[in-house]
Amino acid sequence: MMDGPDVGWYLIVAAILFGIGALGVMLRRSPLIVLLSLEIMLNAANLTLIAFARQQGDLDGQIFALAVMAVAAAEVAIGLGLIVAMARRRMLLDVDQASALRG
């Protein structure tokens, strides 16, 4: 028998996190807040993968969650680099206005 809460509770927490992240992506204009909201959404997906892996008793979901974390780390590095480059050029940091980066 497994200790801890049932898988349903993990899925409820993941759904709440995903909803908060989706609202942040849709409602905010700052690219930094949008990136943080995307990270919250990816973490919700990771929580779902790990919860189902725990329920099944295998490591497949946890290994896939590690791959998702690697992609998320790359996304943050590239995104923050773009934001710093835009700030140095004194470009407007508004996701609605920034449609193209021209060098």
PDB file of N, CA and C in Angstrom:
ATOM      1  N   MET A   1       0.845  -1.182   0.000  1.00  0.00           N
ATOM      2  CA  MET A   1       0.000   0.000   0.000  1.00  0.00           C
ATOM      3  C   MET A   1       0.891   1.247   0.000  1.00  0.00           C
ATOM      4  N   MET A   2       0.497   2.240  -0.812  1.00  0.00           N
ATOM      5  CA  MET A   2       1.283   3.464  -0.934  1.00  0.00           C
ATOM      6  C   MET A   2       0.905   4.460   0.154  1.00  0.00           C
ATOM      7  N   ASP A   3       1.892   5.161   0.648  1.00  0.00           N
ATOM      8  CA  ASP A   3       1.647   6.211   1.624  1.00  0.00           C
ATOM      9  C   ASP A   3       1.365   7.516   0.893  1.00  0.00           C
ATOM     10  N   GLY A   4       0.705   8.413   1.559  1.00  0.00           N
ATOM     11  CA  GLY A   4       0.461   9.729   0.980  1.00  0.00           C
ATOM     12  C   GLY A   4      -0.905   9.835   0.341  1.00  0.00           C
ATOM     13  N   PRO A   5      -1.183  11.012  -0.216  1.00  0.00           N
ATOM     14  CA  PRO A   5      -2.488  11.261  -0.822  1.00  0.00           C
ATOM     15  C   PRO A   5      -2.710  10.418  -2.075  1.00  0.00           C
ATOM     16  N   ASP A   6      -3.969  10.295  -2.439  1.00  0.00           N
ATOM     17  CA  ASP A   6      -4.343   9.577  -3.652  1.00  0.00           C
ATOM     18  C   ASP A   6      -3.918  10.377  -4.880  1.00  0.00           C
ATOM     19  N   VAL A   7      -3.842   9.715  -6.021  1.00  0.00           N
ATOM     20  CA  VAL A   7      -3.407  10.361  -7.255  1.00  0.00           C
ATOM     21  C   VAL A   7      -4.351  11.496  -7.648  1.00  0.00           C
ATOM     22  N   GLY A   8      -5.616  11.367  -7.301  1.00  0.00           N
ATOM     23  CA  GLY A   8      -6.585  12.411  -7.641  1.00  0.00           C
ATOM     24  C   GLY A   8      -6.228  13.761  -7.051  1.00  0.00           C
ATOM     25  N   TRP A   9      -5.677  13.764  -5.851  1.00  0.00           N
ATOM     26  CA  TRP A   9      -5.274  15.026  -5.229  1.00  0.00           C
ATOM     27  C   TRP A   9      -4.129  15.675  -5.985  1.00  0.00           C
ATOM     28  N   TYR A  10      -3.193  14.883  -6.445  1.00  0.00           N
ATOM     29  CA  TYR A  10      -2.099  15.430  -7.248  1.00  0.00           C
ATOM     30  C   TYR A  10      -2.621  16.024  -8.554  1.00  0.00           C
ATOM     31  N   LEU A  11      -3.604  15.360  -9.142  1.00  0.00           N
ATOM     32  CA  LEU A  11      -4.174  15.869 -10.395  1.00  0.00           C
ATOM     33  C   LEU A  11      -4.941  17.166 -10.171  1.00  0.00           C
ATOM     34  N   ILE A  12      -5.595  17.292  -9.035  1.00  0.00           N
ATOM     35  CA  ILE A  12      -6.302  18.541  -8.725  1.00  0.00           C
ATOM     36  C   ILE A  12      -5.306  19.687  -8.566  1.00  0.00           C
ATOM     37  N   VAL A  13      -4.217  19.439  -7.845  1.00  0.00           N
ATOM     38  CA  VAL A  13      -3.186  20.469  -7.673  1.00  0.00           C
ATOM     39  C   VAL A  13      -2.565  20.826  -9.022  1.00  0.00           C
ATOM     40  N   ALA A  14      -2.306  19.818  -9.868  1.00  0.00           N
ATOM     41  CA  ALA A  14      -1.732  20.075 -11.190  1.00  0.00           C
ATOM     42  C   ALA A  14      -2.695  20.884 -12.058  1.00  0.00           C
ATOM     43  N   ALA A  15      -3.990  20.603 -11.984  1.00  0.00           N
ATOM     44  CA  ALA A  15      -4.967  21.357 -12.767  1.00  0.00           C
ATOM     45  C   ALA A  15      -5.030  22.811 -12.304  1.00  0.00           C
ATOM     46  N   ILE A  16      -4.970  23.026 -10.995  1.00  0.00           N
ATOM     47  CA  ILE A  16      -4.970  24.400 -10.478  1.00  0.00           C
ATOM     48  C   ILE A  16      -3.715  25.147 -10.940  1.00  0.00           C
ATOM     49  N   LEU A  17      -2.558  24.495 -10.836  1.00  0.00           N
ATOM     50  CA  LEU A  17      -1.310  25.126 -11.294  1.00  0.00           C
ATOM     51  C   LEU A  17      -1.352  25.435 -12.789  1.00  0.00           C
ATOM     52  N   PHE A  18      -1.874  24.497 -13.572  1.00  0.00           N
ATOM     53  CA  PHE A  18      -1.944  24.711 -15.013  1.00  0.00           C
ATOM     54  C   PHE A  18      -2.887  25.875 -15.332  1.00  0.00           C
ATOM     55  N   GLY A  19      -3.997  25.963 -14.613  1.00  0.00           N
ATOM     56  CA  GLY A  19      -4.926  27.068 -14.835  1.00  0.00           C
ATOM     57  C   GLY A  19      -4.315  28.411 -14.480  1.00  0.00           C
ATOM     58  N   ILE A  20      -3.577  28.469 -13.367  1.00  0.00           N
ATOM     59  CA  ILE A  20      -2.905  29.712 -12.985  1.00  0.00           C
ATOM     60  C   ILE A  20      -1.880  30.108 -14.047  1.00  0.00           C
ATOM     61  N   GLY A  21      -1.120  29.127 -14.540  1.00  0.00           N
ATOM     62  CA  GLY A  21      -0.139  29.412 -15.579  1.00  0.00           C
ATOM     63  C   GLY A  21      -0.784  29.875 -16.873  1.00  0.00           C
ATOM     64  N   ALA A  22      -1.890  29.241 -17.263  1.00  0.00           N
ATOM     65  CA  ALA A  22      -2.587  29.642 -18.492  1.00  0.00           C
ATOM     66  C   ALA A  22      -3.137  31.062 -18.368  1.00  0.00           C
ATOM     67  N   LEU A  23      -3.684  31.401 -17.208  1.00  0.00           N
ATOM     68  CA  LEU A  23      -4.164  32.768 -17.002  1.00  0.00           C
ATOM     69  C   LEU A  23      -3.015  33.772 -17.076  1.00  0.00           C
ATOM     70  N   GLY A  24      -1.865  33.417 -16.516  1.00  0.00           N
ATOM     71  CA  GLY A  24      -0.707  34.295 -16.585  1.00  0.00           C
ATOM     72  C   GLY A  24      -0.228  34.522 -18.009  1.00  0.00           C
ATOM     73  N   VAL A  25      -0.268  33.480 -18.829  1.00  0.00           N
ATOM     74  CA  VAL A  25       0.146  33.618 -20.228  1.00  0.00           C
ATOM     75  C   VAL A  25      -0.836  34.493 -20.997  1.00  0.00           C
ATOM     76  N   MET A  26      -2.116  34.308 -20.733  1.00  0.00           N
ATOM     77  CA  MET A  26      -3.125  35.040 -21.501  1.00  0.00           C
ATOM     78  C   MET A  26      -3.318  36.481 -21.043  1.00  0.00           C
ATOM     79  N   LEU A  27      -3.117  36.769 -19.767  1.00  0.00           N
ATOM     80  CA  LEU A  27      -3.467  38.081 -19.243  1.00  0.00           C
ATOM     81  C   LEU A  27      -2.292  39.041 -19.100  1.00  0.00           C
ATOM     82  N   ARG A  28      -1.087  38.548 -18.965  1.00  0.00           N
ATOM     83  CA  ARG A  28       0.059  39.423 -18.717  1.00  0.00           C
ATOM     84  C   ARG A  28       0.744  39.817 -20.014  1.00  0.00           C
ATOM     85  N   ARG A  29       1.380  40.993 -19.995  1.00  0.00           N
ATOM     86  CA  ARG A  29       2.078  41.488 -21.177  1.00  0.00           C
ATOM     87  C   ARG A  29       3.601  41.436 -21.033  1.00  0.00           C
ATOM     88  N   SER A  30       4.079  41.290 -19.831  1.00  0.00           N
ATOM     89  CA  SER A  30       5.522  41.243 -19.612  1.00  0.00           C
ATOM     90  C   SER A  30       6.059  39.884 -20.051  1.00  0.00           C
ATOM     91  N   PRO A  31       7.104  39.869 -20.872  1.00  0.00           N
ATOM     92  CA  PRO A  31       7.638  38.578 -21.323  1.00  0.00           C
ATOM     93  C   PRO A  31       8.207  37.741 -20.177  1.00  0.00           C
ATOM     94  N   LEU A  32       8.717  38.385 -19.137  1.00  0.00           N
ATOM     95  CA  LEU A  32       9.235  37.638 -17.994  1.00  0.00           C
ATOM     96  C   LEU A  32       8.105  36.902 -17.265  1.00  0.00           C
ATOM     97  N   ILE A  33       6.973  37.565 -17.080  1.00  0.00           N
ATOM     98  CA  ILE A  33       5.824  36.932 -16.437  1.00  0.00           C
ATOM     99  C   ILE A  33       5.264  35.822 -17.306  1.00  0.00           C
ATOM    100  N   VAL A  34       5.270  36.014 -18.611  1.00  0.00           N
ATOM    101  CA  VAL A  34       4.801  34.970 -19.521  1.00  0.00           C
ATOM    102  C   VAL A  34       5.700  33.739 -19.414  1.00  0.00           C
ATOM    103  N   LEU A  35       7.016  33.942 -19.358  1.00  0.00           N
ATOM    104  CA  LEU A  35       7.935  32.809 -19.206  1.00  0.00           C
ATOM    105  C   LEU A  35       7.728  32.095 -17.868  1.00  0.00           C
ATOM    106  N   LEU A  36       7.525  32.853 -16.805  1.00  0.00           N
ATOM    107  CA  LEU A  36       7.281  32.231 -15.501  1.00  0.00           C
ATOM    108  C   LEU A  36       5.968  31.450 -15.506  1.00  0.00           C
ATOM    109  N   SER A  37       4.969  31.963 -16.200  1.00  0.00           N
ATOM    110  CA  SER A  37       3.689  31.259 -16.302  1.00  0.00           C
ATOM    111  C   SER A  37       3.835  29.971 -17.104  1.00  0.00           C
ATOM    112  N   LEU A  38       4.644  30.003 -18.141  1.00  0.00           N
ATOM    113  CA  LEU A  38       4.914  28.780 -18.904  1.00  0.00           C
ATOM    114  C   LEU A  38       5.624  27.746 -18.039  1.00  0.00           C
ATOM    115  N   GLU A  39       6.525  28.209 -17.179  1.00  0.00           N
ATOM    116  CA  GLU A  39       7.203  27.291 -16.265  1.00  0.00           C
ATOM    117  C   GLU A  39       6.219  26.645 -15.296  1.00  0.00           C
ATOM    118  N   ILE A  40       5.258  27.422 -14.813  1.00  0.00           N
ATOM    119  CA  ILE A  40       4.239  26.859 -13.923  1.00  0.00           C
ATOM    120  C   ILE A  40       3.433  25.791 -14.664  1.00  0.00           C
ATOM    121  N   MET A  41       3.112  26.038 -15.928  1.00  0.00           N
ATOM    122  CA  MET A  41       2.363  25.057 -16.714  1.00  0.00           C
ATOM    123  C   MET A  41       3.179  23.781 -16.933  1.00  0.00           C
ATOM    124  N   LEU A  42       4.474  23.929 -17.209  1.00  0.00           N
ATOM    125  CA  LEU A  42       5.324  22.752 -17.388  1.00  0.00           C
ATOM    126  C   LEU A  42       5.467  21.965 -16.084  1.00  0.00           C
ATOM    127  N   ASN A  43       5.548  22.669 -14.962  1.00  0.00           N
ATOM    128  CA  ASN A  43       5.625  21.972 -13.680  1.00  0.00           C
ATOM    129  C   ASN A  43       4.330  21.235 -13.361  1.00  0.00           C
ATOM    130  N   ALA A  44       3.198  21.784 -13.768  1.00  0.00           N
ATOM    131  CA  ALA A  44       1.922  21.080 -13.586  1.00  0.00           C
ATOM    132  C   ALA A  44       1.899  19.800 -14.407  1.00  0.00           C
ATOM    133  N   ALA A  45       2.416  19.869 -15.629  1.00  0.00           N
ATOM    134  CA  ALA A  45       2.487  18.661 -16.456  1.00  0.00           C
ATOM    135  C   ALA A  45       3.431  17.638 -15.843  1.00  0.00           C
ATOM    136  N   ASN A  46       4.537  18.096 -15.280  1.00  0.00           N
ATOM    137  CA  ASN A  46       5.467  17.184 -14.603  1.00  0.00           C
ATOM    138  C   ASN A  46       4.820  16.514 -13.405  1.00  0.00           C
ATOM    139  N   LEU A  47       4.061  17.273 -12.635  1.00  0.00           N
ATOM    140  CA  LEU A  47       3.370  16.700 -11.486  1.00  0.00           C
ATOM    141  C   LEU A  47       2.384  15.623 -11.929  1.00  0.00           C
ATOM    142  N   THR A  48       1.705  15.846 -13.036  1.00  0.00           N
ATOM    143  CA  THR A  48       0.776  14.843 -13.569  1.00  0.00           C
ATOM    144  C   THR A  48       1.518  13.588 -14.005  1.00  0.00           C
ATOM    145  N   LEU A  49       2.629  13.760 -14.708  1.00  0.00           N
ATOM    146  CA  LEU A  49       3.417  12.607 -15.149  1.00  0.00           C
ATOM    147  C   LEU A  49       3.919  11.788 -13.964  1.00  0.00           C
ATOM    148  N   ILE A  50       4.412  12.470 -12.959  1.00  0.00           N
ATOM    149  CA  ILE A  50       4.946  11.761 -11.797  1.00  0.00           C
ATOM    150  C   ILE A  50       3.839  11.084 -11.004  1.00  0.00           C
ATOM    151  N   ALA A  51       2.664  11.721 -10.922  1.00  0.00           N
ATOM    152  CA  ALA A  51       1.543  11.108 -10.196  1.00  0.00           C
ATOM    153  C   ALA A  51       1.097   9.821 -10.872  1.00  0.00           C
ATOM    154  N   PHE A  52       0.995   9.836 -12.203  1.00  0.00           N
ATOM    155  CA  PHE A  52       0.591   8.622 -12.909  1.00  0.00           C
ATOM    156  C   PHE A  52       1.679   7.552 -12.860  1.00  0.00           C
ATOM    157  N   ALA A  53       2.941   7.964 -12.880  1.00  0.00           N
ATOM    158  CA  ALA A  53       4.031   6.992 -12.750  1.00  0.00           C
ATOM    159  C   ALA A  53       3.994   6.338 -11.378  1.00  0.00           C
ATOM    160  N   ARG A  54       3.671   7.118 -10.372  1.00  0.00           N
ATOM    161  CA  ARG A  54       3.568   6.568  -9.016  1.00  0.00           C
ATOM    162  C   ARG A  54       2.407   5.586  -8.923  1.00  0.00           C
ATOM    163  N   GLN A  55       1.302   5.920  -9.581  1.00  0.00           N
ATOM    164  CA  GLN A  55       0.144   5.033  -9.548  1.00  0.00           C
ATOM    165  C   GLN A  55       0.439   3.716 -10.261  1.00  0.00           C
ATOM    166  N   GLN A  56       1.155   3.786 -11.379  1.00  0.00           N
ATOM    167  CA  GLN A  56       1.470   2.580 -12.147  1.00  0.00           C
ATOM    168  C   GLN A  56       2.608   1.781 -11.527  1.00  0.00           C
ATOM    169  N   GLY A  57       3.436   2.443 -10.735  1.00  0.00           N
ATOM    170  CA  GLY A  57       4.534   1.751 -10.086  1.00  0.00           C
ATOM    171  C   GLY A  57       5.769   1.605 -10.950  1.00  0.00           C
ATOM    172  N   ASP A  58       5.888   2.383 -12.027  1.00  0.00           N
ATOM    173  CA  ASP A  58       7.083   2.320 -12.861  1.00  0.00           C
ATOM    174  C   ASP A  58       7.740   3.700 -12.922  1.00  0.00           C
ATOM    175  N   LEU A  59       8.868   3.765 -13.610  1.00  0.00           N
ATOM    176  CA  LEU A  59       9.646   5.000 -13.661  1.00  0.00           C
ATOM    177  C   LEU A  59       9.504   5.761 -14.973  1.00  0.00           C
ATOM    178  N   ASP A  60       8.656   5.307 -15.888  1.00  0.00           N
ATOM    179  CA  ASP A  60       8.563   5.948 -17.202  1.00  0.00           C
ATOM    180  C   ASP A  60       8.138   7.408 -17.098  1.00  0.00           C
ATOM    181  N   GLY A  61       7.128   7.696 -16.298  1.00  0.00           N
ATOM    182  CA  GLY A  61       6.658   9.072 -16.146  1.00  0.00           C
ATOM    183  C   GLY A  61       7.700   9.968 -15.505  1.00  0.00           C
ATOM    184  N   GLN A  62       8.457   9.428 -14.568  1.00  0.00           N
ATOM    185  CA  GLN A  62       9.482  10.234 -13.916  1.00  0.00           C
ATOM    186  C   GLN A  62      10.634  10.533 -14.866  1.00  0.00           C
ATOM    187  N   ILE A  63      10.995   9.586 -15.699  1.00  0.00           N
ATOM    188  CA  ILE A  63      12.052   9.813 -16.683  1.00  0.00           C
ATOM    189  C   ILE A  63      11.606  10.849 -17.705  1.00  0.00           C
ATOM    190  N   PHE A  64      10.351  10.761 -18.134  1.00  0.00           N
ATOM    191  CA  PHE A  64       9.824  11.745 -19.080  1.00  0.00           C
ATOM    192  C   PHE A  64       9.750  13.122 -18.437  1.00  0.00           C
ATOM    193  N   ALA A  65       9.418  13.183 -17.148  1.00  0.00           N
ATOM    194  CA  ALA A  65       9.390  14.461 -16.436  1.00  0.00           C
ATOM    195  C   ALA A  65      10.781  15.087 -16.386  1.00  0.00           C
ATOM    196  N   LEU A  66      11.824  14.285 -16.239  1.00  0.00           N
ATOM    197  CA  LEU A  66      13.192  14.810 -16.289  1.00  0.00           C
ATOM    198  C   LEU A  66      13.500  15.409 -17.659  1.00  0.00           C
ATOM    199  N   ALA A  67      13.014  14.771 -18.731  1.00  0.00           N
ATOM    200  CA  ALA A  67      13.211  15.317 -20.078  1.00  0.00           C
ATOM    201  C   ALA A  67      12.474  16.645 -20.227  1.00  0.00           C
ATOM    202  N   VAL A  68      11.280  16.743 -19.675  1.00  0.00           N
ATOM    203  CA  VAL A  68      10.520  17.993 -19.738  1.00  0.00           C
ATOM    204  C   VAL A  68      11.250  19.092 -18.967  1.00  0.00           C
ATOM    205  N   MET A  69      11.860  18.749 -17.825  1.00  0.00           N
ATOM    206  CA  MET A  69      12.614  19.743 -17.063  1.00  0.00           C
ATOM    207  C   MET A  69      13.830  20.239 -17.838  1.00  0.00           C
ATOM    208  N   ALA A  70      14.462  19.365 -18.608  1.00  0.00           N
ATOM    209  CA  ALA A  70      15.605  19.791 -19.428  1.00  0.00           C
ATOM    210  C   ALA A  70      15.157  20.754 -20.516  1.00  0.00           C
ATOM    211  N   VAL A  71      14.023  20.477 -21.132  1.00  0.00           N
ATOM    212  CA  VAL A  71      13.485  21.386 -22.153  1.00  0.00           C
ATOM    213  C   VAL A  71      13.098  22.717 -21.514  1.00  0.00           C
ATOM    214  N   ALA A  72      12.524  22.669 -20.321  1.00  0.00           N
ATOM    215  CA  ALA A  72      12.133  23.897 -19.629  1.00  0.00           C
ATOM    216  C   ALA A  72      13.353  24.745 -19.287  1.00  0.00           C
ATOM    217  N   ALA A  73      14.433  24.111 -18.881  1.00  0.00           N
ATOM    218  CA  ALA A  73      15.659  24.857 -18.567  1.00  0.00           C
ATOM    219  C   ALA A  73      16.215  25.534 -19.819  1.00  0.00           C
ATOM    220  N   ALA A  74      16.181  24.841 -20.951  1.00  0.00           N
ATOM    221  CA  ALA A  74      16.639  25.444 -22.204  1.00  0.00           C
ATOM    222  C   ALA A  74      15.737  26.601 -22.609  1.00  0.00           C
ATOM    223  N   GLU A  75      14.448  26.446 -22.409  1.00  0.00           N
ATOM    224  CA  GLU A  75      13.496  27.508 -22.749  1.00  0.00           C
ATOM    225  C   GLU A  75      13.748  28.749 -21.904  1.00  0.00           C
ATOM    226  N   VAL A  76      14.034  28.565 -20.639  1.00  0.00           N
ATOM    227  CA  VAL A  76      14.300  29.706 -19.763  1.00  0.00           C
ATOM    228  C   VAL A  76      15.586  30.407 -20.177  1.00  0.00           C
ATOM    229  N   ALA A  77      16.619  29.647 -20.489  1.00  0.00           N
ATOM    230  CA  ALA A  77      17.895  30.252 -20.879  1.00  0.00           C
ATOM    231  C   ALA A  77      17.749  31.073 -22.151  1.00  0.00           C
ATOM    232  N   ILE A  78      17.065  30.543 -23.140  1.00  0.00           N
ATOM    233  CA  ILE A  78      16.877  31.270 -24.398  1.00  0.00           C
ATOM    234  C   ILE A  78      15.953  32.465 -24.194  1.00  0.00           C
ATOM    235  N   GLY A  79      14.875  32.250 -23.465  1.00  0.00           N
ATOM    236  CA  GLY A  79      13.918  33.339 -23.243  1.00  0.00           C
ATOM    237  C   GLY A  79      14.520  34.493 -22.471  1.00  0.00           C
ATOM    238  N   LEU A  80      15.257  34.195 -21.416  1.00  0.00           N
ATOM    239  CA  LEU A  80      15.877  35.274 -20.649  1.00  0.00           C
ATOM    240  C   LEU A  80      16.957  35.985 -21.464  1.00  0.00           C
ATOM    241  N   GLY A  81      17.662  35.241 -22.304  1.00  0.00           N
ATOM    242  CA  GLY A  81      18.633  35.875 -23.199  1.00  0.00           C
ATOM    243  C   GLY A  81      17.974  36.849 -24.161  1.00  0.00           C
ATOM    244  N   LEU A  82      16.827  36.460 -24.698  1.00  0.00           N
ATOM    245  CA  LEU A  82      16.096  37.363 -25.588  1.00  0.00           C
ATOM    246  C   LEU A  82      15.588  38.592 -24.849  1.00  0.00           C
ATOM    247  N   ILE A  83      15.106  38.407 -23.635  1.00  0.00           N
ATOM    248  CA  ILE A  83      14.611  39.544 -22.869  1.00  0.00           C
ATOM    249  C   ILE A  83      15.744  40.513 -22.543  1.00  0.00           C
ATOM    250  N   VAL A  84      16.907  39.987 -22.159  1.00  0.00           N
ATOM    251  CA  VAL A  84      18.059  40.849 -21.874  1.00  0.00           C
ATOM    252  C   VAL A  84      18.494  41.582 -23.139  1.00  0.00           C
ATOM    253  N   ALA A  85      18.514  40.896 -24.286  1.00  0.00           N
ATOM    254  CA  ALA A  85      18.896  41.550 -25.540  1.00  0.00           C
ATOM    255  C   ALA A  85      17.901  42.650 -25.907  1.00  0.00           C
ATOM    256  N   MET A  86      16.627  42.411 -25.683  1.00  0.00           N
ATOM    257  CA  MET A  86      15.622  43.440 -25.978  1.00  0.00           C
ATOM    258  C   MET A  86      15.766  44.628 -25.038  1.00  0.00           C
ATOM    259  N   ALA A  87      16.064  44.373 -23.776  1.00  0.00           N
ATOM    260  CA  ALA A  87      16.212  45.465 -22.810  1.00  0.00           C
ATOM    261  C   ALA A  87      17.458  46.300 -23.113  1.00  0.00           C
ATOM    262  N   ARG A  88      18.526  45.665 -23.555  1.00  0.00           N
ATOM    263  CA  ARG A  88      19.753  46.406 -23.883  1.00  0.00           C
ATOM    264  C   ARG A  88      19.560  47.314 -25.090  1.00  0.00           C
ATOM    265  N   ARG A  89      18.720  46.904 -26.016  1.00  0.00           N
ATOM    266  CA  ARG A  89      18.448  47.726 -27.203  1.00  0.00           C
ATOM    267  C   ARG A  89      17.333  48.734 -26.950  1.00  0.00           C
ATOM    268  N   ARG A  90      16.884  48.789 -25.716  1.00  0.00           N
ATOM    269  CA  ARG A  90      15.812  49.688 -25.303  1.00  0.00           C
ATOM    270  C   ARG A  90      14.531  49.451 -26.101  1.00  0.00           C
ATOM    271  N   MET A  91      14.303  48.198 -26.447  1.00  0.00           N
ATOM    272  CA  MET A  91      13.069  47.834 -27.145  1.00  0.00           C
ATOM    273  C   MET A  91      11.946  47.719 -26.119  1.00  0.00           C
ATOM    274  N   LEU A  92      10.741  47.865 -26.584  1.00  0.00           N
ATOM    275  CA  LEU A  92       9.578  47.773 -25.719  1.00  0.00           C
ATOM    276  C   LEU A  92       9.398  46.325 -25.265  1.00  0.00           C
ATOM    277  N   LEU A  93       9.334  46.116 -23.965  1.00  0.00           N
ATOM    278  CA  LEU A  93       9.165  44.772 -23.419  1.00  0.00           C
ATOM    279  C   LEU A  93       7.685  44.488 -23.220  1.00  0.00           C
ATOM    280  N   ASP A  94       6.954  44.412 -24.326  1.00  0.00           N
ATOM    281  CA  ASP A  94       5.527  44.117 -24.313  1.00  0.00           C
ATOM    282  C   ASP A  94       5.291  43.036 -25.358  1.00  0.00           C
ATOM    283  N   VAL A  95       4.732  41.897 -24.934  1.00  0.00           N
ATOM    284  CA  VAL A  95       4.585  40.784 -25.869  1.00  0.00           C
ATOM    285  C   VAL A  95       3.589  41.088 -26.976  1.00  0.00           C
ATOM    286  N   ASP A  96       2.677  42.019 -26.758  1.00  0.00           N
ATOM    287  CA  ASP A  96       1.740  42.394 -27.818  1.00  0.00           C
ATOM    288  C   ASP A  96       2.418  43.261 -28.873  1.00  0.00           C
ATOM    289  N   GLN A  97       3.372  44.086 -28.457  1.00  0.00           N
ATOM    290  CA  GLN A  97       4.041  45.011 -29.377  1.00  0.00           C
ATOM    291  C   GLN A  97       5.269  44.396 -30.050  1.00  0.00           C
ATOM    292  N   ALA A  98       5.928  43.483 -29.379  1.00  0.00           N
ATOM    293  CA  ALA A  98       7.160  42.880 -29.906  1.00  0.00           C
ATOM    294  C   ALA A  98       6.802  41.707 -30.802  1.00  0.00           C
ATOM    295  N   SER A  99       6.600  41.962 -32.065  1.00  0.00           N
ATOM    296  CA  SER A  99       6.231  40.888 -32.985  1.00  0.00           C
ATOM    297  C   SER A  99       7.447  40.361 -33.743  1.00  0.00           C
ATOM    298  N   ALA A 100       8.504  41.156 -33.849  1.00  0.00           N
ATOM    299  CA  ALA A 100       9.686  40.686 -34.566  1.00  0.00           C
ATOM    300  C   ALA A 100      10.927  41.281 -33.913  1.00  0.00           C
ATOM    301  N   LEU A 101      11.988  40.482 -33.871  1.00  0.00           N
ATOM    302  CA  LEU A 101      13.282  40.965 -33.387  1.00  0.00           C
ATOM    303  C   LEU A 101      14.154  41.223 -34.599  1.00  0.00           C
ATOM    304  N   ARG A 102      14.533  42.475 -34.766  1.00  0.00           N
ATOM    305  CA  ARG A 102      15.372  42.834 -35.919  1.00  0.00           C
ATOM    306  C   ARG A 102      16.723  43.279 -35.414  1.00  0.00           C
ATOM    307  N   GLY A 103      17.776  42.766 -36.040  1.00  0.00           N
ATOM    308  CA  GLY A 103      19.115  43.052 -35.548  1.00  0.00           C
ATOM    309  C   GLY A 103      19.881  44.026 -36.289  1.00  0.00           C
TER     310      GLY A 103
END
